[in-house]
Amino acid sequence: MTSRFTELVVDCHDPERLAAFWCAVLDFKVIDRSEGKVEIGSWEPTVEEVRARQMPPTLMFIRVPEGKTVKNRLHLDVSPIDGSTDDEVARLLGLGAAKVDVGHGPGRSWVVMADPEANEFDVLRTLAPSKLDDHSQGLVVVGGQ
């Protein structure tokens, strides 16, 4: 007998607003909602699929009365897949995120941001192929060099 990681729950004041923000960030869709709760994901979980293999967890936003008071103990990391890290940071700022300083200092390779309810998350290096990768695919090595 084993368990599967199926949901990550985020306490918040406005589940609809945060779900909309994270749907835009991750290209997820709302897969379930009820009073004070919204679940989003890249797929719709079924018992059969969850049993068959590890699947990406969904995000569940649940309304709670208290506000966030300290730095998150758990946070999401996101990696752009079709643009630069700087371009993704600019896009996320446009969606309502903010850059935040959590005391890491200069020289880090990621950008710390916060969603509209101040939950921290990191934007990591891009996973998009570089221009060099695109052009190097057609190179032919001659003479064993």
Protein backbone atom coordinates (compact mmCIF):
# COMPACT_ATOMS: atom_id res chain seq x y z
CA MET A 1 0.00 0.00 0.00
CA THR A 2 1.29 3.48 -0.93
CA SER A 3 -0.03 7.01 -1.09
CA ARG A 4 0.15 9.57 -3.88
CA PHE A 5 0.78 13.32 -3.61
CA THR A 6 -2.47 14.55 -5.16
CA GLU A 7 -3.14 18.11 -3.92
CA LEU A 8 -1.29 21.07 -2.51
CA VAL A 9 -3.62 23.21 -0.40
CA VAL A 10 -3.21 26.97 -0.08
CA ASP A 11 -5.08 28.85 2.65
CA CYS A 12 -6.29 32.24 1.42
CA HIS A 13 -8.92 34.97 1.70
CA ASP A 14 -10.15 34.83 -1.91
CA PRO A 15 -9.96 31.35 -3.49
CA GLU A 16 -11.48 32.50 -6.80
CA ARG A 17 -8.92 35.28 -7.24
CA LEU A 18 -5.92 33.11 -6.38
CA ALA A 19 -7.19 30.24 -8.53
CA ALA A 20 -7.55 32.62 -11.49
CA PHE A 21 -4.01 33.97 -10.90
CA TRP A 22 -2.43 30.51 -10.71
CA CYS A 23 -4.47 29.24 -13.69
CA ALA A 24 -2.94 32.07 -15.74
CA VAL A 25 0.56 31.39 -14.37
CA LEU A 26 0.51 27.62 -14.94
CA ASP A 27 -2.00 27.25 -17.80
CA PHE A 28 -4.20 25.18 -15.47
CA LYS A 29 -8.00 25.07 -15.44
CA VAL A 30 -10.56 24.97 -12.66
CA ILE A 31 -11.48 21.33 -12.10
CA ASP A 32 -13.69 21.67 -9.01
CA ARG A 33 -15.24 24.40 -6.91
CA SER A 34 -17.57 24.60 -3.97
CA GLU A 35 -18.31 27.12 -1.23
CA GLY A 36 -14.99 28.66 -0.18
CA LYS A 37 -12.86 26.23 -2.20
CA VAL A 38 -11.45 26.07 -5.73
CA GLU A 39 -9.27 23.29 -7.17
CA ILE A 40 -7.16 23.77 -10.29
CA GLY A 41 -4.96 21.43 -12.27
CA SER A 42 -3.47 20.43 -15.59
CA TRP A 43 -5.58 17.28 -15.66
CA GLU A 44 -8.75 15.96 -14.06
CA PRO A 45 -7.84 13.29 -11.51
CA THR A 46 -9.51 9.90 -11.64
CA VAL A 47 -8.92 7.02 -9.24
CA GLU A 48 -7.67 4.86 -12.11
CA GLU A 49 -5.08 7.39 -13.31
CA VAL A 50 -3.85 8.14 -9.80
CA ARG A 51 -3.41 4.43 -9.09
CA ALA A 52 -1.70 3.83 -12.44
CA ARG A 53 1.09 6.38 -12.06
CA GLN A 54 2.34 9.50 -10.33
CA MET A 55 0.53 12.50 -11.76
CA PRO A 56 1.14 16.21 -11.15
CA PRO A 57 -0.68 17.39 -8.03
CA THR A 58 -3.55 19.83 -8.24
CA LEU A 59 -3.69 23.11 -6.31
CA MET A 60 -6.56 23.66 -3.89
CA PHE A 61 -7.36 27.15 -2.60
CA ILE A 62 -9.42 27.21 0.59
CA ARG A 63 -10.89 30.29 2.28
CA VAL A 64 -9.65 30.87 5.82
CA PRO A 65 -10.34 33.83 8.12
CA GLU A 66 -6.76 34.56 9.19
CA GLY A 67 -4.21 36.35 7.05
CA LYS A 68 -0.64 35.42 6.23
CA THR A 69 1.72 36.74 8.91
CA VAL A 70 5.18 35.28 8.22
CA LYS A 71 7.26 33.88 5.36
CA ASN A 72 5.82 30.71 3.84
CA ARG A 73 7.19 27.42 5.14
CA LEU A 74 6.33 25.85 1.78
CA HIS A 75 6.38 27.55 -1.61
CA LEU A 76 6.09 26.77 -5.30
CA ASP A 77 8.94 27.04 -7.81
CA VAL A 78 8.04 27.69 -11.43
CA SER A 79 10.24 27.49 -14.52
CA PRO A 80 9.40 29.28 -17.77
CA ILE A 81 9.17 26.85 -20.68
CA ASP A 82 8.90 29.08 -23.72
CA GLY A 83 10.66 32.34 -22.86
CA SER A 84 13.35 33.85 -20.71
CA THR A 85 13.18 34.15 -16.94
CA ASP A 86 13.05 37.96 -17.29
CA ASP A 87 10.13 37.71 -19.74
CA GLU A 88 8.26 35.40 -17.36
CA VAL A 89 8.85 37.71 -14.40
CA ALA A 90 7.44 40.60 -16.45
CA ARG A 91 4.39 38.49 -17.40
CA LEU A 92 3.78 37.51 -13.77
CA LEU A 93 4.06 41.13 -12.63
CA GLY A 94 1.36 41.92 -15.19
CA LEU A 95 -0.86 39.19 -13.70
CA GLY A 96 -0.62 40.74 -10.23
CA ALA A 97 2.51 39.16 -8.72
CA ALA A 98 5.15 41.26 -6.97
CA LYS A 99 8.89 40.89 -6.53
CA VAL A 100 9.81 40.38 -2.87
CA ASP A 101 12.98 40.41 -0.82
CA VAL A 102 13.21 37.54 1.66
CA GLY A 103 16.84 38.20 2.55
CA HIS A 104 18.66 36.01 0.03
CA GLY A 105 20.92 38.84 -1.13
CA PRO A 106 22.33 39.44 -4.62
CA GLY A 107 23.74 36.84 -6.97
CA ARG A 108 20.97 34.26 -6.79
CA SER A 109 19.83 32.52 -9.97
CA TRP A 110 16.10 32.78 -9.20
CA VAL A 111 13.59 35.56 -8.63
CA VAL A 112 11.46 35.55 -5.47
CA MET A 113 7.92 36.76 -6.09
CA ALA A 114 4.59 36.81 -4.27
CA ASP A 115 1.12 36.06 -5.56
CA PRO A 116 -1.77 38.51 -5.00
CA GLU A 117 -2.16 37.32 -1.36
CA ALA A 118 1.60 37.60 -0.63
CA ASN A 119 2.41 33.88 -0.84
CA GLU A 120 6.04 33.62 -1.94
CA PHE A 121 7.11 31.59 -4.96
CA ASP A 122 10.29 31.40 -7.02
CA VAL A 123 10.80 31.83 -10.74
CA LEU A 124 13.72 29.58 -11.64
CA ARG A 125 15.87 29.44 -14.76
CA THR A 126 14.10 29.05 -18.06
CA LEU A 127 13.67 25.59 -19.54
CA ALA A 128 13.12 27.01 -23.03
CA PRO A 129 15.69 25.88 -25.58
CA SER A 130 18.33 28.52 -26.19
CA LYS A 131 18.91 29.98 -29.65
CA LEU A 132 22.23 28.12 -29.73
CA ASP A 133 20.42 24.82 -29.10
CA ASP A 134 18.05 25.53 -32.01
CA HIS A 135 20.93 26.16 -34.42
CA SER A 136 23.22 23.40 -33.16
CA GLN A 137 20.71 20.71 -34.09
CA GLY A 138 21.72 20.99 -37.75
CA LEU A 139 25.50 20.91 -37.21
CA VAL A 140 27.44 18.00 -38.62
CA VAL A 141 30.79 17.00 -37.13
CA VAL A 142 33.35 16.33 -39.83
CA GLY A 143 36.60 14.40 -39.46
CA GLY A 144 35.91 13.09 -35.97
CA GLN A 145 36.41 16.52 -34.37
